[in-house]
Amino acid sequence: TFNLINGQTTPDAGCVNLHGADITGIAPEQLFRLGVARTFQITATFASMTVRENVQMALLSYERRAHSAVALATRECVVNASRLLIAIGLEEQAQRAASELAYGDLKRLELAMALANNPRLLLMDEPTAGMAPAERNLLMQLAVKTCRDRNVALLFTEHDMDVVFGFADRVIVMNRGRIIAQGSPNEVRANEEVRAVYLGGASHA
């Protein structure tokens, strides 16, 4: 589904709308400029570069400037990178190489990079995969708060139902490519088919 929204796959039928505009089949690069950002299940950062440089590279990509050492050091870019790092709590690790970060911090760095283009829509593909329960909650709290503060719509896919029910305002549940339920977390939690498929037919703690 994310590949359809993000322009990596063309739908057989139907269309994709963003704020009333048809964006079906538009290439990911164009969608990026239109305000659609995405994070992936496998983190995508520049391992040999510092945390700050990773965010600055994302900022430069958005502004379509030359990727050079001089451009990386421009005052505007440095200031904007610092603001993002402060927002996601990585300012103290700004000079560390991305390869040295713990997995949870890598996820936060990827979030900062995705927000660098001031998106209107952020797609997060299984953002908490491979994380411990406490880390999952911290990352999702950060993502939800940061997106709300920046007026960014957040759409995420997730198999951990605690994360889904804990952080989503609206839930769409799919099984074998078919929507089986949608609505508020409480409405979806009470759906019999969802309970049978994902919750084992019992109340989910």
N, C-alpha and C. Protein backbone atom coordinates (compact mmCIF):
# COMPACT_ATOMS: atom_id res chain seq x y z
N THR A 1 0.83 -1.21 0.00
CA THR A 1 0.00 0.00 0.00
C THR A 1 0.87 1.26 0.00
N PHE A 2 1.92 1.26 0.82
CA PHE A 2 2.81 2.42 0.86
C PHE A 2 3.47 2.65 -0.49
N ASN A 3 3.83 1.56 -1.18
CA ASN A 3 4.45 1.71 -2.50
C ASN A 3 3.50 2.34 -3.50
N LEU A 4 2.21 2.09 -3.35
CA LEU A 4 1.21 2.73 -4.22
C LEU A 4 1.13 4.22 -3.91
N ILE A 5 1.07 4.55 -2.64
CA ILE A 5 0.98 5.96 -2.24
C ILE A 5 2.24 6.71 -2.64
N ASN A 6 3.38 6.05 -2.47
CA ASN A 6 4.67 6.70 -2.69
C ASN A 6 5.12 6.69 -4.15
N GLY A 7 4.29 6.16 -5.05
CA GLY A 7 4.61 6.21 -6.47
C GLY A 7 5.57 5.15 -6.96
N GLN A 8 5.91 4.17 -6.11
CA GLN A 8 6.82 3.12 -6.53
C GLN A 8 6.10 2.00 -7.27
N THR A 9 4.78 1.93 -7.08
CA THR A 9 3.95 0.94 -7.76
C THR A 9 2.72 1.63 -8.32
N THR A 10 2.33 1.28 -9.53
CA THR A 10 1.13 1.87 -10.14
C THR A 10 -0.07 0.98 -9.85
N PRO A 11 -1.16 1.54 -9.33
CA PRO A 11 -2.33 0.72 -9.01
C PRO A 11 -3.03 0.20 -10.25
N ASP A 12 -3.66 -0.97 -10.13
CA ASP A 12 -4.44 -1.54 -11.23
C ASP A 12 -5.75 -0.78 -11.41
N ALA A 13 -6.24 -0.22 -10.33
CA ALA A 13 -7.50 0.54 -10.38
C ALA A 13 -7.48 1.56 -9.25
N GLY A 14 -8.38 2.54 -9.36
CA GLY A 14 -8.47 3.56 -8.33
C GLY A 14 -7.40 4.62 -8.47
N CYS A 15 -7.35 5.52 -7.50
CA CYS A 15 -6.39 6.61 -7.56
C CYS A 15 -5.93 6.98 -6.15
N VAL A 16 -4.86 7.74 -6.09
CA VAL A 16 -4.31 8.23 -4.83
C VAL A 16 -4.47 9.74 -4.80
N ASN A 17 -5.12 10.26 -3.75
CA ASN A 17 -5.34 11.70 -3.64
C ASN A 17 -4.61 12.26 -2.43
N LEU A 18 -4.00 13.41 -2.60
CA LEU A 18 -3.34 14.12 -1.50
C LEU A 18 -3.89 15.53 -1.47
N HIS A 19 -4.63 15.85 -0.42
CA HIS A 19 -5.24 17.17 -0.28
C HIS A 19 -6.05 17.54 -1.52
N GLY A 20 -6.79 16.57 -2.05
CA GLY A 20 -7.67 16.81 -3.19
C GLY A 20 -7.01 16.72 -4.54
N ALA A 21 -5.70 16.53 -4.58
CA ALA A 21 -4.99 16.43 -5.86
C ALA A 21 -4.67 14.97 -6.17
N ASP A 22 -4.85 14.58 -7.42
CA ASP A 22 -4.55 13.22 -7.86
C ASP A 22 -3.04 13.06 -8.02
N ILE A 23 -2.44 12.19 -7.20
CA ILE A 23 -0.99 11.98 -7.28
C ILE A 23 -0.67 10.55 -7.74
N THR A 24 -1.64 9.89 -8.33
CA THR A 24 -1.45 8.50 -8.76
C THR A 24 -0.31 8.38 -9.76
N GLY A 25 0.63 7.50 -9.48
CA GLY A 25 1.71 7.22 -10.42
C GLY A 25 2.81 8.25 -10.49
N ILE A 26 2.72 9.31 -9.69
CA ILE A 26 3.79 10.31 -9.68
C ILE A 26 5.04 9.70 -9.05
N ALA A 27 6.19 9.95 -9.65
CA ALA A 27 7.44 9.36 -9.18
C ALA A 27 7.77 9.82 -7.75
N PRO A 28 8.44 8.95 -6.97
CA PRO A 28 8.78 9.30 -5.59
C PRO A 28 9.54 10.62 -5.48
N GLU A 29 10.43 10.92 -6.44
CA GLU A 29 11.20 12.16 -6.38
C GLU A 29 10.28 13.38 -6.48
N GLN A 30 9.26 13.29 -7.34
CA GLN A 30 8.32 14.39 -7.47
C GLN A 30 7.44 14.50 -6.23
N LEU A 31 7.03 13.36 -5.69
CA LEU A 31 6.20 13.37 -4.49
C LEU A 31 6.97 13.97 -3.32
N PHE A 32 8.26 13.72 -3.26
CA PHE A 32 9.10 14.30 -2.22
C PHE A 32 9.01 15.82 -2.26
N ARG A 33 9.06 16.38 -3.47
CA ARG A 33 8.98 17.84 -3.60
C ARG A 33 7.57 18.35 -3.32
N LEU A 34 6.57 17.46 -3.45
CA LEU A 34 5.19 17.84 -3.16
C LEU A 34 4.85 17.70 -1.67
N GLY A 35 5.81 17.20 -0.90
CA GLY A 35 5.59 17.12 0.54
C GLY A 35 5.25 15.75 1.07
N VAL A 36 5.67 14.69 0.38
CA VAL A 36 5.46 13.33 0.88
C VAL A 36 6.82 12.75 1.27
N ALA A 37 6.98 12.41 2.53
CA ALA A 37 8.24 11.83 3.02
C ALA A 37 7.97 10.42 3.53
N ARG A 38 9.05 9.62 3.62
CA ARG A 38 8.87 8.23 4.03
C ARG A 38 10.09 7.73 4.79
N THR A 39 9.82 6.93 5.82
CA THR A 39 10.87 6.17 6.48
C THR A 39 10.62 4.70 6.18
N PHE A 40 11.69 3.90 6.28
CA PHE A 40 11.58 2.49 5.90
C PHE A 40 11.85 1.59 7.11
N GLN A 41 11.42 0.32 6.97
CA GLN A 41 11.62 -0.64 8.04
C GLN A 41 13.11 -0.81 8.34
N ILE A 42 13.92 -0.83 7.27
CA ILE A 42 15.37 -0.89 7.42
C ILE A 42 15.89 0.54 7.33
N THR A 43 16.58 1.00 8.35
CA THR A 43 17.01 2.39 8.39
C THR A 43 17.94 2.72 7.22
N ALA A 44 17.78 3.94 6.70
CA ALA A 44 18.58 4.39 5.56
C ALA A 44 19.29 5.68 5.93
N THR A 45 20.51 5.56 6.45
CA THR A 45 21.31 6.72 6.80
C THR A 45 22.70 6.57 6.19
N PHE A 46 23.49 7.65 6.25
CA PHE A 46 24.87 7.62 5.76
C PHE A 46 25.77 7.26 6.94
N ALA A 47 26.18 6.00 7.00
CA ALA A 47 26.86 5.47 8.19
C ALA A 47 28.14 6.20 8.54
N SER A 48 28.92 6.62 7.55
CA SER A 48 30.22 7.24 7.82
C SER A 48 30.13 8.72 8.15
N MET A 49 28.96 9.31 7.94
CA MET A 49 28.78 10.73 8.20
C MET A 49 28.25 10.95 9.61
N THR A 50 28.46 12.15 10.14
CA THR A 50 27.95 12.45 11.47
C THR A 50 26.43 12.60 11.44
N VAL A 51 25.86 12.60 12.63
CA VAL A 51 24.41 12.78 12.75
C VAL A 51 24.00 14.11 12.11
N ARG A 52 24.74 15.17 12.42
CA ARG A 52 24.42 16.49 11.87
C ARG A 52 24.53 16.48 10.34
N GLU A 53 25.58 15.86 9.81
CA GLU A 53 25.77 15.82 8.36
C GLU A 53 24.66 15.05 7.67
N ASN A 54 24.16 14.00 8.31
CA ASN A 54 23.04 13.25 7.74
C ASN A 54 21.82 14.14 7.57
N VAL A 55 21.52 14.92 8.61
CA VAL A 55 20.36 15.81 8.55
C VAL A 55 20.60 16.92 7.53
N GLN A 56 21.82 17.44 7.47
CA GLN A 56 22.13 18.49 6.50
C GLN A 56 22.03 17.97 5.07
N MET A 57 22.42 16.74 4.84
CA MET A 57 22.28 16.15 3.51
C MET A 57 20.81 16.07 3.12
N ALA A 58 19.96 15.70 4.08
CA ALA A 58 18.53 15.64 3.81
C ALA A 58 17.98 17.03 3.50
N LEU A 59 18.44 18.03 4.23
CA LEU A 59 18.02 19.41 3.98
C LEU A 59 18.46 19.87 2.60
N LEU A 60 19.67 19.54 2.22
CA LEU A 60 20.19 19.94 0.92
C LEU A 60 19.43 19.26 -0.21
N SER A 61 19.06 18.01 0.01
CA SER A 61 18.29 17.29 -0.99
C SER A 61 16.96 17.98 -1.23
N TYR A 62 16.35 18.44 -0.15
CA TYR A 62 15.08 19.16 -0.26
C TYR A 62 15.26 20.47 -1.02
N GLU A 63 16.30 21.18 -0.70
CA GLU A 63 16.52 22.49 -1.32
C GLU A 63 17.24 22.40 -2.66
N ARG A 64 17.62 21.19 -3.06
CA ARG A 64 18.25 20.92 -4.36
C ARG A 64 19.51 21.76 -4.56
N ARG A 65 20.30 21.85 -3.51
CA ARG A 65 21.58 22.54 -3.62
C ARG A 65 22.67 21.53 -3.94
N ALA A 66 23.85 22.03 -4.27
CA ALA A 66 24.98 21.15 -4.56
C ALA A 66 25.41 20.46 -3.28
N HIS A 67 25.65 19.15 -3.38
CA HIS A 67 26.10 18.39 -2.23
C HIS A 67 27.62 18.54 -2.11
N SER A 68 28.05 19.56 -1.40
CA SER A 68 29.48 19.81 -1.24
C SER A 68 29.78 20.16 0.20
N ALA A 69 31.05 20.06 0.56
CA ALA A 69 31.44 20.37 1.94
C ALA A 69 31.13 21.82 2.28
N VAL A 70 31.28 22.71 1.29
CA VAL A 70 30.99 24.12 1.53
C VAL A 70 29.51 24.32 1.79
N ALA A 71 28.68 23.67 0.95
CA ALA A 71 27.23 23.81 1.11
C ALA A 71 26.77 23.24 2.44
N LEU A 72 27.41 22.14 2.87
CA LEU A 72 27.01 21.53 4.14
C LEU A 72 27.22 22.48 5.31
N ALA A 73 28.12 23.42 5.18
CA ALA A 73 28.46 24.29 6.29
C ALA A 73 27.75 25.64 6.25
N THR A 74 26.86 25.86 5.27
CA THR A 74 26.17 27.14 5.20
C THR A 74 25.38 27.37 6.48
N ARG A 75 25.31 28.61 6.90
CA ARG A 75 24.68 28.95 8.17
C ARG A 75 23.23 28.46 8.23
N GLU A 76 22.47 28.71 7.18
CA GLU A 76 21.06 28.32 7.18
C GLU A 76 20.90 26.82 7.38
N CYS A 77 21.73 26.06 6.68
CA CYS A 77 21.64 24.61 6.77
C CYS A 77 22.00 24.12 8.17
N VAL A 78 23.04 24.70 8.74
CA VAL A 78 23.48 24.31 10.08
C VAL A 78 22.39 24.63 11.11
N VAL A 79 21.80 25.81 11.00
CA VAL A 79 20.75 26.22 11.94
C VAL A 79 19.53 25.31 11.83
N ASN A 80 19.09 25.03 10.61
CA ASN A 80 17.92 24.17 10.43
C ASN A 80 18.19 22.75 10.91
N ALA A 81 19.40 22.26 10.68
CA ALA A 81 19.76 20.92 11.16
C ALA A 81 19.72 20.89 12.68
N SER A 82 20.23 21.93 13.32
CA SER A 82 20.23 21.99 14.79
C SER A 82 18.81 21.98 15.34
N ARG A 83 17.92 22.70 14.69
CA ARG A 83 16.52 22.74 15.14
C ARG A 83 15.89 21.35 15.08
N LEU A 84 16.17 20.64 13.99
CA LEU A 84 15.62 19.29 13.86
C LEU A 84 16.21 18.35 14.90
N LEU A 85 17.52 18.45 15.12
CA LEU A 85 18.17 17.57 16.09
C LEU A 85 17.67 17.84 17.51
N ILE A 86 17.42 19.09 17.82
CA ILE A 86 16.86 19.44 19.12
C ILE A 86 15.46 18.86 19.25
N ALA A 87 14.67 18.97 18.19
CA ALA A 87 13.29 18.49 18.22
C ALA A 87 13.20 16.99 18.47
N ILE A 88 14.16 16.23 17.93
CA ILE A 88 14.09 14.78 18.09
C ILE A 88 15.07 14.26 19.14
N GLY A 89 15.74 15.18 19.85
CA GLY A 89 16.56 14.79 20.98
C GLY A 89 17.92 14.21 20.66
N LEU A 90 18.52 14.61 19.54
CA LEU A 90 19.83 14.09 19.16
C LEU A 90 20.91 15.17 19.09
N GLU A 91 20.63 16.35 19.59
CA GLU A 91 21.59 17.45 19.49
C GLU A 91 22.92 17.10 20.17
N GLU A 92 22.86 16.39 21.31
CA GLU A 92 24.09 16.06 22.04
C GLU A 92 24.93 15.02 21.31
N GLN A 93 24.33 14.33 20.34
CA GLN A 93 25.06 13.33 19.57
C GLN A 93 25.33 13.80 18.15
N ALA A 94 25.23 15.09 17.92
CA ALA A 94 25.32 15.64 16.56
C ALA A 94 26.63 15.31 15.86
N GLN A 95 27.73 15.22 16.62
CA GLN A 95 29.04 15.00 16.00
C GLN A 95 29.45 13.52 15.95
N ARG A 96 28.59 12.65 16.41
CA ARG A 96 28.89 11.22 16.34
C ARG A 96 28.57 10.68 14.95
N ALA A 97 29.33 9.69 14.52
CA ALA A 97 29.03 9.04 13.24
C ALA A 97 27.74 8.24 13.39
N ALA A 98 26.95 8.21 12.34
CA ALA A 98 25.70 7.46 12.39
C ALA A 98 25.94 5.99 12.71
N SER A 99 27.07 5.47 12.28
CA SER A 99 27.40 4.06 12.52
C SER A 99 27.58 3.75 14.00
N GLU A 100 27.79 4.77 14.83
CA GLU A 100 28.01 4.58 16.26
C GLU A 100 26.72 4.65 17.07
N LEU A 101 25.63 4.99 16.44
CA LEU A 101 24.37 5.18 17.17
C LEU A 101 23.72 3.85 17.52
N ALA A 102 23.03 3.84 18.66
CA ALA A 102 22.18 2.70 19.00
C ALA A 102 21.01 2.66 18.03
N TYR A 103 20.37 1.49 17.93
CA TYR A 103 19.31 1.32 16.94
C TYR A 103 18.17 2.32 17.13
N GLY A 104 17.77 2.54 18.37
CA GLY A 104 16.69 3.49 18.62
C GLY A 104 17.04 4.90 18.19
N ASP A 105 18.31 5.29 18.39
CA ASP A 105 18.76 6.61 17.96
C ASP A 105 18.84 6.71 16.44
N LEU A 106 19.18 5.61 15.78
CA LEU A 106 19.16 5.59 14.31
C LEU A 106 17.76 5.86 13.79
N LYS A 107 16.77 5.28 14.46
CA LYS A 107 15.38 5.50 14.06
C LYS A 107 15.00 6.97 14.23
N ARG A 108 15.48 7.58 15.30
CA ARG A 108 15.21 9.00 15.51
C ARG A 108 15.90 9.86 14.46
N LEU A 109 17.12 9.47 14.09
CA LEU A 109 17.83 10.20 13.04
C LEU A 109 17.09 10.10 11.72
N GLU A 110 16.59 8.93 11.40
CA GLU A 110 15.84 8.76 10.16
C GLU A 110 14.58 9.63 10.18
N LEU A 111 13.94 9.74 11.34
CA LEU A 111 12.77 10.60 11.47
C LEU A 111 13.14 12.05 11.18
N ALA A 112 14.25 12.51 11.74
CA ALA A 112 14.70 13.88 11.49
C ALA A 112 14.97 14.12 10.02
N MET A 113 15.59 13.15 9.36
CA MET A 113 15.90 13.28 7.93
C MET A 113 14.62 13.34 7.10
N ALA A 114 13.62 12.56 7.49
CA ALA A 114 12.35 12.57 6.76
C ALA A 114 11.62 13.90 6.93
N LEU A 115 11.79 14.52 8.09
CA LEU A 115 11.11 15.80 8.36
C LEU A 115 11.84 16.99 7.75
N ALA A 116 13.03 16.75 7.19
CA ALA A 116 13.84 17.85 6.67
C ALA A 116 13.18 18.57 5.49
N ASN A 117 12.30 17.88 4.76
CA ASN A 117 11.68 18.53 3.60
C ASN A 117 10.34 19.17 3.94
N ASN A 118 10.09 19.37 5.26
CA ASN A 118 8.83 19.98 5.69
C ASN A 118 7.63 19.30 5.02
N PRO A 119 7.49 18.00 5.20
CA PRO A 119 6.42 17.27 4.50
C PRO A 119 5.04 17.63 5.01
N ARG A 120 4.06 17.37 4.16
CA ARG A 120 2.67 17.45 4.58
C ARG A 120 2.17 16.08 5.02
N LEU A 121 2.82 15.04 4.49
CA LEU A 121 2.47 13.66 4.82
C LEU A 121 3.74 12.87 5.06
N LEU A 122 3.81 12.19 6.21
CA LEU A 122 4.94 11.33 6.52
C LEU A 122 4.47 9.89 6.59
N LEU A 123 5.07 9.03 5.77
CA LEU A 123 4.78 7.60 5.77
C LEU A 123 5.87 6.90 6.56
N MET A 124 5.48 6.12 7.56
CA MET A 124 6.45 5.37 8.35
C MET A 124 6.15 3.88 8.22
N ASP A 125 7.09 3.16 7.62
CA ASP A 125 6.91 1.74 7.33
C ASP A 125 7.43 0.90 8.50
N GLU A 126 6.50 0.35 9.29
CA GLU A 126 6.84 -0.45 10.47
C GLU A 126 7.95 0.21 11.29
N PRO A 127 7.68 1.40 11.80
CA PRO A 127 8.72 2.19 12.47
C PRO A 127 9.33 1.53 13.70
N THR A 128 8.59 0.65 14.38
CA THR A 128 9.12 0.07 15.63
C THR A 128 9.66 -1.34 15.45
N ALA A 129 9.80 -1.80 14.23
CA ALA A 129 10.31 -3.16 13.99
C ALA A 129 11.70 -3.32 14.60
N GLY A 130 11.90 -4.40 15.34
CA GLY A 130 13.20 -4.70 15.93
C GLY A 130 13.51 -3.94 17.20
N MET A 131 12.54 -3.20 17.73
CA MET A 131 12.78 -2.39 18.92
C MET A 131 12.15 -3.03 20.15
N ALA A 132 12.74 -2.77 21.32
CA ALA A 132 12.17 -3.22 22.58
C ALA A 132 10.91 -2.40 22.87
N PRO A 133 9.97 -2.96 23.67
CA PRO A 133 8.71 -2.25 23.95
C PRO A 133 8.90 -0.81 24.42
N ALA A 134 9.83 -0.57 25.33
CA ALA A 134 10.03 0.79 25.84
C ALA A 134 10.50 1.72 24.73
N GLU A 135 11.40 1.23 23.87
CA GLU A 135 11.89 2.04 22.76
C GLU A 135 10.78 2.35 21.77
N ARG A 136 9.91 1.36 21.53
CA ARG A 136 8.79 1.57 20.61
C ARG A 136 7.94 2.74 21.06
N ASN A 137 7.59 2.74 22.33
CA ASN A 137 6.73 3.80 22.85
C ASN A 137 7.40 5.16 22.75
N LEU A 138 8.69 5.22 23.08
CA LEU A 138 9.41 6.49 23.02
C LEU A 138 9.47 7.03 21.59
N LEU A 139 9.74 6.14 20.63
CA LEU A 139 9.82 6.58 19.23
C LEU A 139 8.47 7.08 18.74
N MET A 140 7.41 6.34 19.05
CA MET A 140 6.09 6.74 18.57
C MET A 140 5.61 8.01 19.24
N GLN A 141 5.89 8.16 20.54
CA GLN A 141 5.54 9.41 21.22
C GLN A 141 6.23 10.59 20.54
N LEU A 142 7.50 10.40 20.20
CA LEU A 142 8.26 11.45 19.54
C LEU A 142 7.71 11.75 18.15
N ALA A 143 7.42 10.70 17.38
CA ALA A 143 6.91 10.89 16.02
C ALA A 143 5.57 11.60 16.02
N VAL A 144 4.67 11.16 16.89
CA VAL A 144 3.33 11.76 16.96
C VAL A 144 3.42 13.22 17.39
N LYS A 145 4.18 13.50 18.44
CA LYS A 145 4.30 14.88 18.94
C LYS A 145 4.94 15.79 17.90
N THR A 146 6.03 15.32 17.28
CA THR A 146 6.74 16.15 16.31
C THR A 146 5.86 16.45 15.10
N CYS A 147 5.12 15.45 14.64
CA CYS A 147 4.24 15.66 13.48
C CYS A 147 3.10 16.60 13.83
N ARG A 148 2.55 16.48 15.03
CA ARG A 148 1.48 17.39 15.44
C ARG A 148 2.00 18.82 15.55
N ASP A 149 3.19 18.97 16.12
CA ASP A 149 3.77 20.31 16.27
C ASP A 149 4.02 20.97 14.91
N ARG A 150 4.31 20.15 13.90
CA ARG A 150 4.64 20.66 12.57
C ARG A 150 3.46 20.57 11.60
N ASN A 151 2.31 20.15 12.10
CA ASN A 151 1.11 20.01 11.27
C ASN A 151 1.34 19.06 10.10
N VAL A 152 1.95 17.92 10.41
CA VAL A 152 2.24 16.89 9.41
C VAL A 152 1.31 15.70 9.65
N ALA A 153 0.65 15.23 8.60
CA ALA A 153 -0.17 14.03 8.71
C ALA A 153 0.76 12.82 8.79
N LEU A 154 0.50 11.92 9.73
CA LEU A 154 1.34 10.75 9.93
C LEU A 154 0.55 9.48 9.62
N LEU A 155 1.08 8.69 8.70
CA LEU A 155 0.47 7.40 8.34
C LEU A 155 1.52 6.33 8.54
N PHE A 156 1.23 5.34 9.39
CA PHE A 156 2.22 4.30 9.64
C PHE A 156 1.61 2.91 9.54
N THR A 157 2.45 1.96 9.07
CA THR A 157 2.06 0.55 9.06
C THR A 157 2.72 -0.10 10.27
N GLU A 158 2.02 -1.03 10.89
CA GLU A 158 2.56 -1.63 12.10
C GLU A 158 1.84 -2.94 12.40
N HIS A 159 2.63 -3.96 12.80
CA HIS A 159 2.04 -5.23 13.18
C HIS A 159 1.86 -5.35 14.70
N ASP A 160 2.52 -4.49 15.45
CA ASP A 160 2.37 -4.50 16.90
C ASP A 160 1.07 -3.78 17.25
N MET A 161 0.09 -4.54 17.70
CA MET A 161 -1.23 -3.96 17.94
C MET A 161 -1.23 -3.00 19.13
N ASP A 162 -0.32 -3.18 20.08
CA ASP A 162 -0.22 -2.23 21.18
C ASP A 162 0.18 -0.84 20.66
N VAL A 163 1.09 -0.82 19.71
CA VAL A 163 1.51 0.44 19.09
C VAL A 163 0.35 1.05 18.31
N VAL A 164 -0.34 0.22 17.54
CA VAL A 164 -1.47 0.70 16.74
C VAL A 164 -2.53 1.33 17.63
N PHE A 165 -2.98 0.58 18.63
CA PHE A 165 -4.06 1.08 19.49
C PHE A 165 -3.60 2.22 20.40
N GLY A 166 -2.30 2.27 20.67
CA GLY A 166 -1.80 3.29 21.57
C GLY A 166 -1.54 4.64 20.92
N PHE A 167 -1.32 4.65 19.59
CA PHE A 167 -0.88 5.91 18.97
C PHE A 167 -1.69 6.35 17.75
N ALA A 168 -2.51 5.49 17.20
CA ALA A 168 -3.29 5.86 16.01
C ALA A 168 -4.60 6.53 16.40
N ASP A 169 -4.99 7.56 15.66
CA ASP A 169 -6.31 8.17 15.82
C ASP A 169 -7.35 7.40 15.02
N ARG A 170 -6.92 6.88 13.88
CA ARG A 170 -7.79 6.10 13.00
C ARG A 170 -7.01 4.89 12.51
N VAL A 171 -7.67 3.74 12.50
CA VAL A 171 -7.00 2.49 12.16
C VAL A 171 -7.67 1.83 10.97
N ILE A 172 -6.86 1.34 10.03
CA ILE A 172 -7.34 0.53 8.91
C ILE A 172 -6.63 -0.81 9.01
N VAL A 173 -7.39 -1.88 9.09
CA VAL A 173 -6.82 -3.22 9.23
C VAL A 173 -7.02 -3.99 7.93
N MET A 174 -5.92 -4.56 7.43
CA MET A 174 -5.98 -5.34 6.20
C MET A 174 -5.57 -6.78 6.47
N ASN A 175 -6.15 -7.70 5.73
CA ASN A 175 -5.79 -9.11 5.80
C ASN A 175 -5.83 -9.69 4.40
N ARG A 176 -4.70 -10.20 3.94
CA ARG A 176 -4.59 -10.77 2.59
C ARG A 176 -5.02 -9.76 1.51
N GLY A 177 -4.61 -8.51 1.69
CA GLY A 177 -4.89 -7.48 0.69
C GLY A 177 -6.28 -6.89 0.73
N ARG A 178 -7.07 -7.26 1.75
CA ARG A 178 -8.45 -6.78 1.85
C ARG A 178 -8.65 -6.02 3.15
N ILE A 179 -9.34 -4.86 3.08
CA ILE A 179 -9.67 -4.12 4.29
C ILE A 179 -10.77 -4.88 5.04
N ILE A 180 -10.49 -5.22 6.30
CA ILE A 180 -11.49 -5.95 7.09
C ILE A 180 -12.11 -5.08 8.17
N ALA A 181 -11.49 -3.93 8.46
CA ALA A 181 -12.06 -3.03 9.47
C ALA A 181 -11.38 -1.68 9.38
N GLN A 182 -12.12 -0.64 9.76
CA GLN A 182 -11.54 0.69 9.87
C GLN A 182 -12.37 1.52 10.83
N GLY A 183 -11.73 2.45 11.50
CA GLY A 183 -12.42 3.28 12.48
C GLY A 183 -11.49 3.68 13.60
N SER A 184 -12.05 4.06 14.73
CA SER A 184 -11.24 4.44 15.88
C SER A 184 -10.59 3.18 16.47
N PRO A 185 -9.54 3.34 17.27
CA PRO A 185 -8.93 2.17 17.90
C PRO A 185 -9.93 1.31 18.67
N ASN A 186 -10.84 1.93 19.40
CA ASN A 186 -11.82 1.17 20.16
C ASN A 186 -12.77 0.40 19.25
N GLU A 187 -13.18 1.03 18.15
CA GLU A 187 -14.07 0.36 17.20
C GLU A 187 -13.38 -0.84 16.56
N VAL A 188 -12.14 -0.66 16.18
CA VAL A 188 -11.40 -1.74 15.53
C VAL A 188 -11.08 -2.85 16.52
N ARG A 189 -10.74 -2.50 17.74
CA ARG A 189 -10.44 -3.49 18.76
C ARG A 189 -11.63 -4.42 19.01
N ALA A 190 -12.85 -3.86 18.88
CA ALA A 190 -14.06 -4.65 19.14
C ALA A 190 -14.52 -5.46 17.93
N ASN A 191 -13.91 -5.25 16.77
CA ASN A 191 -14.33 -5.94 15.55
C ASN A 191 -13.99 -7.43 15.65
N GLU A 192 -14.99 -8.28 15.41
CA GLU A 192 -14.80 -9.72 15.58
C GLU A 192 -13.76 -10.29 14.62
N GLU A 193 -13.76 -9.82 13.37
CA GLU A 193 -12.80 -10.36 12.40
C GLU A 193 -11.38 -9.96 12.77
N VAL A 194 -11.20 -8.75 13.25
CA VAL A 194 -9.88 -8.31 13.69
C VAL A 194 -9.42 -9.14 14.87
N ARG A 195 -10.32 -9.38 15.80
CA ARG A 195 -9.99 -10.19 16.98
C ARG A 195 -9.57 -11.59 16.58
N ALA A 196 -10.25 -12.15 15.59
CA ALA A 196 -9.95 -13.51 15.15
C ALA A 196 -8.61 -13.59 14.42
N VAL A 197 -8.33 -12.58 13.58
CA VAL A 197 -7.13 -12.61 12.74
C VAL A 197 -5.89 -12.15 13.49
N TYR A 198 -6.00 -11.06 14.26
CA TYR A 198 -4.82 -10.45 14.85
C TYR A 198 -4.72 -10.59 16.37
N LEU A 199 -5.84 -10.75 17.02
CA LEU A 199 -5.82 -10.76 18.48
C LEU A 199 -6.10 -12.13 19.07
N GLY A 200 -6.12 -13.15 18.24
CA GLY A 200 -6.29 -14.50 18.73
C GLY A 200 -7.65 -14.81 19.28
N GLY A 201 -8.64 -13.97 18.92
CA GLY A 201 -10.00 -14.23 19.35
C GLY A 201 -10.28 -13.85 20.78
N ALA A 202 -9.27 -13.24 21.44
CA ALA A 202 -9.45 -12.86 22.84
C ALA A 202 -9.18 -11.38 23.01
N SER A 203 -9.56 -10.87 24.18
CA SER A 203 -9.31 -9.46 24.47
C SER A 203 -7.82 -9.20 24.49
N HIS A 204 -7.40 -8.12 23.81
CA HIS A 204 -5.97 -7.81 23.69
C HIS A 204 -5.54 -6.93 24.84
N ALA A 205 -4.59 -7.41 25.62
CA ALA A 205 -4.13 -6.65 26.79
C ALA A 205 -3.18 -5.54 26.37
